[in-house]
Amino acid sequence: MEKPRDHTAELWLARHGRTRWNMERRYQGHSDMALLDDEASELCALERELAGISFSSIYCSDLLRCRQTLARVRPDLVGQASYDSRLREMNFGHWEGQTYEMLKEDPHYRAWIDDPQSVIPPEGEAWKRFERRVAEVVQEWTNIVNQDARANTGEKARILVITHGGVISLVASLLLPKKGFWDTQMKAGGILRLNI
């Protein structure tokens, strides 16, 4: 009797390396910041973890800090990656480049801190829009897994995603029913592995 095949895929969600704005604790969102140089970018551990691993699909946010992260940790995969704006961090609008200390007296900001799902940053992105675009990509990954299952290859798909902390937290909350958005905290250069 044939052994049942595993129709799940490993989803490797890696957060981009550290930027100057990460160091200064500024909101980055859609701002296109470059990584810090060498060890300051905190990518050494991620580079070691990804070394020699084969991936069936590679996705990357189109923002510079994610593209640079992929180029530093796995330059051999740069040409195979799908660069997708839906994998960008939430757009914080006028608050990008600002810190908590700069914004803490702003009533609109305080309301957003208390209820980010209902309050929209000025000229920024609504939570529902952020959630919808990320959910679209997660559905595409699920479709890839289903196609692999129909092809009956017997090999487990492995998907690499280089993206942002907020996106990783949202993906985890979408795929893990008992996890809320705030339950997943990812440091620069960190990685989270999930099954889909």
Protein backbone atom coordinates (compact mmCIF):
# COMPACT_ATOMS: atom_id res chain seq x y z
CA MET A 1 0.00 0.00 0.00
CA GLU A 2 1.37 3.42 -1.01
CA LYS A 3 2.26 5.76 1.81
CA PRO A 4 0.09 8.95 1.79
CA ARG A 5 1.99 11.95 0.50
CA ASP A 6 2.51 15.08 2.59
CA HIS A 7 0.71 17.94 0.84
CA THR A 8 2.02 20.74 2.99
CA ALA A 9 4.76 23.20 2.19
CA GLU A 10 7.34 24.86 4.39
CA LEU A 11 6.99 28.63 4.39
CA TRP A 12 10.22 30.36 5.44
CA LEU A 13 9.40 33.96 6.36
CA ALA A 14 12.55 36.08 6.78
CA ARG A 15 12.59 39.67 7.95
CA HIS A 16 14.91 42.09 6.16
CA GLY A 17 18.15 43.19 7.78
CA ARG A 18 18.58 46.28 9.90
CA THR A 19 18.42 49.82 8.52
CA ARG A 20 19.34 53.15 10.05
CA TRP A 21 15.65 53.83 10.71
CA ASN A 22 15.32 50.46 12.53
CA MET A 23 18.22 51.52 14.72
CA GLU A 24 16.56 54.89 15.38
CA ARG A 25 13.16 53.21 15.97
CA ARG A 26 11.46 55.17 13.20
CA TYR A 27 8.41 53.98 11.30
CA GLN A 28 9.58 52.81 7.87
CA GLY A 29 6.50 51.41 6.14
CA HIS A 30 6.78 52.07 2.40
CA SER A 31 9.85 54.33 2.76
CA ASP A 32 12.62 52.75 0.69
CA MET A 33 15.50 52.53 3.16
CA ALA A 34 18.82 50.78 2.49
CA LEU A 35 20.39 48.23 4.83
CA LEU A 36 23.25 49.11 7.13
CA ASP A 37 26.64 47.80 6.05
CA ASP A 38 28.01 44.34 6.83
CA GLU A 39 27.50 43.05 10.42
CA ALA A 40 25.40 46.09 11.38
CA SER A 41 22.63 44.74 9.15
CA GLU A 42 22.39 41.68 11.45
CA LEU A 43 22.16 39.18 8.57
CA CYS A 44 25.00 36.77 9.46
CA ALA A 45 22.73 34.26 11.23
CA LEU A 46 20.14 34.36 8.43
CA GLU A 47 22.84 33.80 5.81
CA ARG A 48 24.06 30.71 7.70
CA GLU A 49 20.53 29.38 8.14
CA LEU A 50 19.66 29.69 4.44
CA ALA A 51 22.99 28.38 3.11
CA GLY A 52 22.58 25.40 0.79
CA ILE A 53 18.79 25.14 1.22
CA SER A 54 16.79 24.68 -1.97
CA PHE A 55 13.50 26.52 -2.44
CA SER A 56 10.73 25.80 -4.92
CA SER A 57 9.60 29.46 -4.90
CA ILE A 58 11.17 32.71 -3.76
CA TYR A 59 9.17 35.86 -2.98
CA CYS A 60 10.52 39.23 -1.93
CA SER A 61 9.06 42.61 -1.09
CA ASP A 62 10.03 45.05 -3.82
CA LEU A 63 11.45 47.54 -1.30
CA LEU A 64 15.23 48.06 -1.29
CA ARG A 65 15.89 46.70 2.22
CA CYS A 66 14.32 43.35 1.28
CA ARG A 67 15.99 43.15 -2.13
CA GLN A 68 19.35 43.90 -0.50
CA THR A 69 18.69 41.26 2.17
CA LEU A 70 18.09 38.58 -0.47
CA ALA A 71 21.19 39.71 -2.40
CA ARG A 72 23.35 39.46 0.74
CA VAL A 73 22.08 36.16 2.15
CA ARG A 74 21.37 34.22 -1.07
CA PRO A 75 22.71 36.07 -4.14
CA ASP A 76 22.16 32.92 -6.20
CA LEU A 77 18.37 33.30 -5.78
CA VAL A 78 18.06 36.96 -6.84
CA GLY A 79 17.17 36.12 -10.45
CA GLN A 80 14.55 33.54 -9.43
CA ALA A 81 12.65 35.75 -6.99
CA SER A 82 9.23 37.25 -7.56
CA TYR A 83 9.37 40.87 -6.33
CA ASP A 84 5.92 41.77 -5.05
CA SER A 85 4.66 45.12 -3.71
CA ARG A 86 1.92 43.28 -1.79
CA LEU A 87 4.68 42.07 0.57
CA ARG A 88 5.53 45.62 1.64
CA GLU A 89 5.17 46.73 5.23
CA MET A 90 2.02 48.65 6.14
CA ASN A 91 2.06 52.20 4.79
CA PHE A 92 2.27 54.58 7.77
CA GLY A 93 1.73 57.69 5.64
CA HIS A 94 2.85 60.94 7.30
CA TRP A 95 4.20 59.02 10.28
CA GLU A 96 7.00 57.41 8.28
CA GLY A 97 10.37 58.64 9.48
CA GLN A 98 8.84 59.55 12.85
CA THR A 99 9.40 57.89 16.22
CA TYR A 100 7.00 57.16 19.06
CA GLU A 101 8.55 60.04 21.01
CA MET A 102 7.82 62.45 18.15
CA LEU A 103 4.21 61.30 17.81
CA LYS A 104 3.08 60.40 21.33
CA GLU A 105 1.24 63.69 21.96
CA ASP A 106 -0.74 63.47 18.68
CA PRO A 107 -4.35 62.39 19.48
CA HIS A 108 -4.76 60.70 16.08
CA TYR A 109 -1.62 58.66 16.69
CA ARG A 110 -2.78 57.72 20.22
CA ALA A 111 -6.11 56.54 18.75
CA TRP A 112 -4.25 54.45 16.16
CA ILE A 113 -2.02 52.88 18.83
CA ASP A 114 -5.17 51.91 20.76
CA ASP A 115 -7.07 50.57 17.71
CA PRO A 116 -4.91 50.13 14.57
CA GLN A 117 -7.63 48.07 12.86
CA SER A 118 -10.04 51.03 12.89
CA VAL A 119 -7.86 54.16 12.74
CA ILE A 120 -5.92 55.04 9.58
CA PRO A 121 -2.59 56.92 9.66
CA PRO A 122 -2.82 60.26 7.79
CA GLU A 123 -2.23 59.51 4.08
CA GLY A 124 -1.49 55.92 5.18
CA GLU A 125 -3.01 52.51 4.70
CA ALA A 126 -6.17 51.12 6.28
CA TRP A 127 -5.70 47.88 8.21
CA LYS A 128 -8.28 46.10 6.03
CA ARG A 129 -6.34 46.99 2.87
CA PHE A 130 -3.06 45.79 4.42
CA GLU A 131 -4.70 42.54 5.52
CA ARG A 132 -6.39 42.01 2.11
CA ARG A 133 -3.18 42.38 0.07
CA VAL A 134 -1.21 40.05 2.36
CA ALA A 135 -4.06 37.51 2.39
CA GLU A 136 -4.01 37.50 -1.45
CA VAL A 137 -0.37 36.39 -1.44
CA VAL A 138 -1.01 33.74 1.23
CA GLN A 139 -3.81 32.36 -1.00
CA GLU A 140 -1.37 32.19 -3.92
CA TRP A 141 1.08 30.20 -1.79
CA THR A 142 -1.74 27.85 -0.82
CA ASN A 143 -2.56 27.39 -4.51
CA ILE A 144 1.08 26.49 -5.22
CA VAL A 145 0.91 23.81 -2.53
CA ASN A 146 -2.34 22.46 -4.01
CA GLN A 147 -0.83 22.38 -7.51
CA ASP A 148 2.19 20.49 -6.20
CA ALA A 149 -0.18 18.04 -4.51
CA ARG A 150 -2.08 17.50 -7.77
CA ALA A 151 1.22 16.99 -9.59
CA ASN A 152 1.89 14.31 -6.97
CA THR A 153 5.62 14.96 -6.98
CA GLY A 154 6.06 13.57 -3.50
CA GLU A 155 8.48 16.38 -2.67
CA LYS A 156 7.65 18.95 -0.05
CA ALA A 157 7.60 22.47 -1.46
CA ARG A 158 9.73 25.03 0.34
CA ILE A 159 8.86 28.72 -0.14
CA LEU A 160 11.24 31.52 0.88
CA VAL A 161 9.78 34.96 1.57
CA ILE A 162 11.91 38.04 2.35
CA THR A 163 9.60 40.68 3.79
CA HIS A 164 8.84 42.94 6.77
CA GLY A 165 8.01 42.37 10.43
CA GLY A 166 4.37 43.45 10.14
CA VAL A 167 3.79 41.19 7.14
CA ILE A 168 5.30 38.21 8.99
CA SER A 169 3.08 38.87 12.02
CA LEU A 170 0.02 39.11 9.78
CA VAL A 171 0.86 35.91 7.85
CA ALA A 172 1.35 34.04 11.14
CA SER A 173 -2.03 35.26 12.42
CA LEU A 174 -3.71 34.20 9.14
CA LEU A 175 -2.17 30.71 9.11
CA LEU A 176 -2.18 29.94 12.84
CA PRO A 177 -5.73 30.32 14.20
CA LYS A 178 -4.61 30.71 17.83
CA LYS A 179 -2.04 33.43 17.05
CA GLY A 180 -2.92 37.09 17.06
CA PHE A 181 -1.01 39.74 15.13
CA TRP A 182 0.88 40.93 18.22
CA ASP A 183 1.94 37.38 19.21
CA THR A 184 4.73 37.28 16.61
CA GLN A 185 7.67 39.63 17.05
CA MET A 186 10.51 39.33 14.56
CA LYS A 187 13.93 40.94 14.92
CA ALA A 188 15.90 42.16 11.91
CA GLY A 189 17.28 39.17 10.02
CA GLY A 190 14.99 36.78 11.92
CA ILE A 191 13.15 33.87 10.36
CA LEU A 192 9.87 32.07 11.07
CA ARG A 193 9.02 28.69 9.55
CA LEU A 194 5.40 27.65 9.11
CA ASN A 195 3.61 24.85 7.31
CA ILE A 196 0.86 25.63 4.82
